[in-house]
Every structure is written in structure tokens, then in C-alpha cells.
Amino acid sequence: MKKRNWLINLRKEAGYKNQSEFADVVKLSKSYISEIESGNRTPSGEKAYKISRILNFDMERFYEDAQ
């Protein structure tokens, strides 16, 4: 799977300069955020919902990438 540059850009535009800062807000590990952004992992529904609500995008975008 390819890197999710769109997610990295949304995180940075929202003011989260690094993965650690964002991970603290969404209550997930930095390594989990890293795997999602790198495209190595697709978050579960609950986690995708949490991330999408904070960064203000449709959580379906994660699953479009997986196809």
C-alpha cells in the first residue's frame, strides 16, 4: 500500500507537527499512527472514526485507499 500523504498533510494543516503530538490527542501509539500514515495499516472503524473526526474528513477515505 502506498503512503497516505493526504493524511500527513491533514495532520500538519490541523496543527499537529509530529506523530507523537497527534497520537497523544487520539489516544493511540505513535507507532500505530506511523503505520497508518505509511499505508502499512488500515485503522479499524472506531479508530478511523476518531482520527477522521479530529482531522475533519470522511473516514471512508481510509478504505478507498485499501482498494
C-alpha atoms as a PDB file:
ATOM      1  CA  MET A   1       0.000   0.000   0.000  1.00  0.00           C
ATOM      2  CA  LYS A   2       1.210   3.500  -0.725  1.00  0.00           C
ATOM      3  CA  LYS A   3       1.990   6.215   1.763  1.00  0.00           C
ATOM      4  CA  ARG A   4      -1.007   8.324   2.807  1.00  0.00           C
ATOM      5  CA  ASN A   5       0.428  11.767   2.074  1.00  0.00           C
ATOM      6  CA  TRP A   6      -3.080  13.229   2.216  1.00  0.00           C
ATOM      7  CA  LEU A   7      -3.338  12.140   5.877  1.00  0.00           C
ATOM      8  CA  ILE A   8       0.060  13.570   6.761  1.00  0.00           C
ATOM      9  CA  ASN A   9      -0.921  16.867   5.142  1.00  0.00           C
ATOM     10  CA  LEU A  10      -4.241  16.996   7.006  1.00  0.00           C
ATOM     11  CA  ARG A  11      -2.487  16.304  10.309  1.00  0.00           C
ATOM     12  CA  LYS A  12       0.026  19.080   9.718  1.00  0.00           C
ATOM     13  CA  GLU A  13      -2.648  21.525   8.495  1.00  0.00           C
ATOM     14  CA  ALA A  14      -4.564  20.842  11.719  1.00  0.00           C
ATOM     15  CA  GLY A  15      -1.505  21.985  13.663  1.00  0.00           C
ATOM     16  CA  TYR A  16      -0.073  18.619  14.726  1.00  0.00           C
ATOM     17  CA  LYS A  17       3.561  18.955  13.684  1.00  0.00           C
ATOM     18  CA  ASN A  18       4.546  15.407  14.539  1.00  0.00           C
ATOM     19  CA  GLN A  19       3.030  11.976  15.001  1.00  0.00           C
ATOM     20  CA  SER A  20       3.673  11.905  18.742  1.00  0.00           C
ATOM     21  CA  GLU A  21       1.644  15.051  19.353  1.00  0.00           C
ATOM     22  CA  PHE A  22      -1.252  13.710  17.288  1.00  0.00           C
ATOM     23  CA  ALA A  23      -1.029  10.250  18.865  1.00  0.00           C
ATOM     24  CA  ASP A  24      -1.489  11.807  22.310  1.00  0.00           C
ATOM     25  CA  VAL A  25      -4.672  13.550  21.170  1.00  0.00           C
ATOM     26  CA  VAL A  26      -6.263  10.477  19.552  1.00  0.00           C
ATOM     27  CA  LYS A  27      -5.037   8.187  22.361  1.00  0.00           C
ATOM     28  CA  LEU A  28      -3.160   5.846  20.029  1.00  0.00           C
ATOM     29  CA  SER A  29       0.526   4.973  19.946  1.00  0.00           C
ATOM     30  CA  LYS A  30       2.940   6.906  17.756  1.00  0.00           C
ATOM     31  CA  SER A  31       3.918   3.661  16.049  1.00  0.00           C
ATOM     32  CA  TYR A  32       0.258   2.958  15.172  1.00  0.00           C
ATOM     33  CA  ILE A  33      -0.113   6.447  13.663  1.00  0.00           C
ATOM     34  CA  SER A  34       3.127   5.887  11.749  1.00  0.00           C
ATOM     35  CA  GLU A  35       1.849   2.607  10.308  1.00  0.00           C
ATOM     36  CA  ILE A  36      -1.414   4.235   9.231  1.00  0.00           C
ATOM     37  CA  GLU A  37       0.350   7.174   7.578  1.00  0.00           C
ATOM     38  CA  SER A  38       2.849   4.917   5.830  1.00  0.00           C
ATOM     39  CA  GLY A  39       0.000   2.821   4.430  1.00  0.00           C
ATOM     40  CA  ASN A  40       1.100  -0.357   6.207  1.00  0.00           C
ATOM     41  CA  ARG A  41      -2.082  -0.490   8.267  1.00  0.00           C
ATOM     42  CA  THR A  42      -5.715   0.487   7.841  1.00  0.00           C
ATOM     43  CA  PRO A  43      -7.366   1.526  11.101  1.00  0.00           C
ATOM     44  CA  SER A  44     -10.413  -0.242  12.495  1.00  0.00           C
ATOM     45  CA  GLY A  45     -13.743   1.538  12.202  1.00  0.00           C
ATOM     46  CA  GLU A  46     -13.594   3.048  15.680  1.00  0.00           C
ATOM     47  CA  LYS A  47     -10.044   4.320  15.247  1.00  0.00           C
ATOM     48  CA  ALA A  48     -10.717   5.580  11.721  1.00  0.00           C
ATOM     49  CA  TYR A  49     -13.760   7.444  13.046  1.00  0.00           C
ATOM     50  CA  LYS A  50     -11.754   9.045  15.861  1.00  0.00           C
ATOM     51  CA  ILE A  51      -8.955  10.185  13.511  1.00  0.00           C
ATOM     52  CA  SER A  52     -11.374  11.456  10.865  1.00  0.00           C
ATOM     53  CA  ARG A  53     -13.410  13.456  13.400  1.00  0.00           C
ATOM     54  CA  ILE A  54     -10.322  15.199  14.749  1.00  0.00           C
ATOM     55  CA  LEU A  55      -8.882  15.955  11.293  1.00  0.00           C
ATOM     56  CA  ASN A  56     -12.310  16.658   9.747  1.00  0.00           C
ATOM     57  CA  PHE A  57     -12.530  14.250   6.800  1.00  0.00           C
ATOM     58  CA  ASP A  58     -14.738  11.340   5.762  1.00  0.00           C
ATOM     59  CA  MET A  59     -13.439   8.144   7.372  1.00  0.00           C
ATOM     60  CA  GLU A  60     -14.315   6.206   4.190  1.00  0.00           C
ATOM     61  CA  ARG A  61     -11.149   7.664   2.703  1.00  0.00           C
ATOM     62  CA  PHE A  62      -9.111   5.081   4.619  1.00  0.00           C
ATOM     63  CA  TYR A  63     -10.997   2.264   2.931  1.00  0.00           C
ATOM     64  CA  GLU A  64     -10.816   3.810  -0.527  1.00  0.00           C
ATOM     65  CA  ASP A  65      -7.010   3.676  -0.163  1.00  0.00           C
ATOM     66  CA  ALA A  66      -7.199  -0.024   0.715  1.00  0.00           C
ATOM     67  CA  GLN A  67      -8.745  -0.948  -2.646  1.00  0.00           C
END
